[in-house]
Amino acid sequence: MKKQALLIISIMSLAMSSLSFAATLTSMHKTQFEQAFINKTFTSIATDNLNGRTIDNTFSMFLDNHGNIWGKMSHKPANEPQTDKGIYSVKDDGTFYITWQHWDGAKQLCGHIFETENAYISVDCNNVFHTTFMKATVQSGNHL
């Protein structure tokens, strides 16, 4: 009985600390976004969202300081090119907009970036997870 009570207390403590952490996670604003992402190459974990579907694919991207973005999937997605180019913009509150020439039907995407100790998490404006970029993989310059 003592083990069950200890287990329940442990689970409740973990849940409370997770809720507390989530409540403090806020999206990056424009200056933070620009300092973290501009003129750098990022490679995601092997999960991404393309055309509204979660896919098993690593995504790399490079953003220049003129509003251009280049992207590459590690494996060519079905019915989509492996690489694409587009444009991006960032509002003062950090909301970013990307329009690819081909991916996602060339529709404008909207999202936010959340920073953790070791990663950047990309979530769209409807709170749908897109991908995570580990900070350890960031490279200065274009390495696509």
Protein backbone atom coordinates (compact mmCIF):
# COMPACT_ATOMS: atom_id res chain seq x y z
CA MET A 1 0.00 0.00 0.00
CA LYS A 2 2.88 2.36 0.82
CA LYS A 3 4.38 1.80 -2.64
CA GLN A 4 1.10 2.74 -4.35
CA ALA A 5 0.78 5.92 -2.31
CA LEU A 6 4.40 6.85 -3.08
CA LEU A 7 3.81 6.14 -6.77
CA ILE A 8 0.67 8.31 -6.84
CA ILE A 9 2.48 11.16 -5.05
CA SER A 10 5.41 10.88 -7.48
CA ILE A 11 3.14 10.94 -10.54
CA MET A 12 1.23 13.94 -9.18
CA SER A 13 4.48 15.81 -8.46
CA LEU A 14 5.77 15.10 -11.96
CA ALA A 15 2.50 16.22 -13.52
CA MET A 16 2.48 19.44 -11.49
CA SER A 17 6.09 20.27 -12.43
CA SER A 18 5.34 19.59 -16.11
CA LEU A 19 2.30 21.88 -15.99
CA SER A 20 4.36 24.56 -14.30
CA PHE A 21 7.05 24.31 -17.01
CA ALA A 22 4.48 24.44 -19.82
CA ALA A 23 2.87 27.53 -18.33
CA THR A 24 6.21 29.39 -18.51
CA LEU A 25 7.04 28.45 -22.11
CA THR A 26 6.48 31.48 -24.35
CA SER A 27 7.17 31.99 -28.01
CA MET A 28 10.21 33.93 -29.15
CA HIS A 29 9.74 37.56 -30.23
CA LYS A 30 11.18 38.99 -33.48
CA THR A 31 14.60 39.98 -32.14
CA GLN A 32 15.10 36.57 -30.49
CA PHE A 33 13.97 34.82 -33.68
CA GLU A 34 16.34 36.85 -35.86
CA GLN A 35 19.32 36.29 -33.54
CA ALA A 36 18.66 32.56 -33.40
CA PHE A 37 17.70 31.80 -37.02
CA ILE A 38 19.00 34.34 -39.53
CA ASN A 39 22.03 33.27 -41.63
CA LYS A 40 22.11 29.85 -39.99
CA THR A 41 21.29 26.32 -41.08
CA PHE A 42 19.01 24.22 -38.89
CA THR A 43 18.32 20.49 -39.08
CA SER A 44 15.23 19.06 -37.41
CA ILE A 45 14.58 15.84 -35.60
CA ALA A 46 13.19 13.11 -37.88
CA THR A 47 9.59 14.31 -37.53
CA ASP A 48 8.02 17.11 -39.56
CA ASN A 49 4.63 18.31 -40.76
CA LEU A 50 4.08 18.60 -44.52
CA ASN A 51 0.73 19.27 -46.17
CA GLY A 52 -0.98 18.88 -42.79
CA ARG A 53 0.47 15.40 -42.21
CA THR A 54 3.14 14.33 -39.74
CA ILE A 55 5.92 12.64 -41.69
CA ASP A 56 9.06 10.74 -40.75
CA ASN A 57 11.64 12.99 -42.41
CA THR A 58 14.46 15.27 -41.33
CA PHE A 59 14.05 18.87 -42.49
CA SER A 60 16.90 21.34 -42.93
CA MET A 61 16.47 25.05 -43.61
CA PHE A 62 18.46 28.22 -44.12
CA LEU A 63 17.06 31.76 -43.73
CA ASP A 64 18.97 34.72 -45.16
CA ASN A 65 18.58 38.30 -43.93
CA HIS A 66 16.57 39.33 -47.05
CA GLY A 67 13.43 37.26 -46.39
CA ASN A 68 14.45 34.17 -48.39
CA ILE A 69 14.30 30.62 -47.06
CA TRP A 70 15.65 27.39 -48.51
CA GLY A 71 14.60 23.96 -47.29
CA LYS A 72 15.56 20.35 -47.87
CA MET A 73 14.04 17.08 -46.72
CA SER A 74 16.48 14.23 -46.09
CA HIS A 75 14.21 11.87 -48.06
CA LYS A 76 12.14 13.03 -51.02
CA PRO A 77 8.49 13.18 -49.91
CA ALA A 78 5.89 11.52 -52.14
CA ASN A 79 4.51 13.94 -54.75
CA GLU A 80 6.72 16.81 -53.49
CA PRO A 81 10.22 18.03 -54.38
CA GLN A 82 13.04 17.19 -51.98
CA THR A 83 14.16 20.84 -51.87
CA ASP A 84 12.18 24.06 -52.00
CA LYS A 85 12.69 27.80 -51.78
CA GLY A 86 10.36 30.42 -50.40
CA ILE A 87 9.96 33.67 -48.56
CA TYR A 88 9.51 34.40 -44.88
CA SER A 89 8.63 37.32 -42.63
CA VAL A 90 8.50 37.80 -38.87
CA LYS A 91 6.19 40.10 -36.89
CA ASP A 92 7.38 41.94 -33.78
CA ASP A 93 5.64 39.37 -31.55
CA GLY A 94 7.68 36.59 -33.23
CA THR A 95 4.88 35.17 -35.38
CA PHE A 96 6.54 33.96 -38.56
CA TYR A 97 5.09 33.43 -42.02
CA ILE A 98 6.60 31.16 -44.68
CA THR A 99 5.39 30.60 -48.21
CA TRP A 100 7.19 27.83 -50.07
CA GLN A 101 7.13 27.70 -53.87
CA HIS A 102 5.94 24.06 -53.83
CA TRP A 103 5.58 22.58 -50.34
CA ASP A 104 2.28 22.90 -48.49
CA GLY A 105 0.52 23.84 -51.74
CA ALA A 106 2.44 27.15 -51.85
CA LYS A 107 0.09 28.43 -49.12
CA GLN A 108 1.33 30.82 -46.47
CA LEU A 109 2.23 29.04 -43.22
CA CYS A 110 2.04 30.80 -39.88
CA GLY A 111 3.83 29.73 -36.73
CA HIS A 112 5.73 30.38 -33.53
CA ILE A 113 9.06 29.19 -32.19
CA PHE A 114 9.46 28.15 -28.56
CA GLU A 115 12.94 27.94 -27.06
CA THR A 116 13.99 25.35 -24.53
CA GLU A 117 17.40 24.73 -23.01
CA ASN A 118 18.54 22.53 -25.90
CA ALA A 119 16.02 22.98 -28.72
CA TYR A 120 13.69 25.19 -30.73
CA ILE A 121 10.15 23.87 -31.12
CA SER A 122 8.10 24.95 -34.15
CA VAL A 123 4.31 25.11 -33.72
CA ASP A 124 1.87 26.53 -36.26
CA CYS A 125 -0.68 29.26 -35.47
CA ASN A 126 -3.30 26.55 -34.80
CA ASN A 127 -1.01 25.03 -32.13
CA VAL A 128 -0.13 22.04 -34.33
CA PHE A 129 3.40 20.71 -33.74
CA HIS A 130 5.63 20.96 -36.82
CA THR A 131 9.13 19.98 -35.75
CA THR A 132 11.99 20.48 -33.31
CA PHE A 133 15.46 21.80 -34.10
CA MET A 134 18.16 20.71 -31.67
CA LYS A 135 20.53 23.58 -30.84
CA ALA A 136 23.53 21.26 -31.17
CA THR A 137 22.86 20.94 -34.93
CA VAL A 138 22.82 24.71 -35.70
CA GLN A 139 25.51 25.85 -38.14
CA SER A 140 26.40 29.40 -39.16
CA GLY A 141 25.98 30.02 -42.89
CA ASN A 142 24.19 28.03 -45.59
CA HIS A 143 25.00 24.30 -45.37
CA LEU A 144 22.16 22.86 -47.45
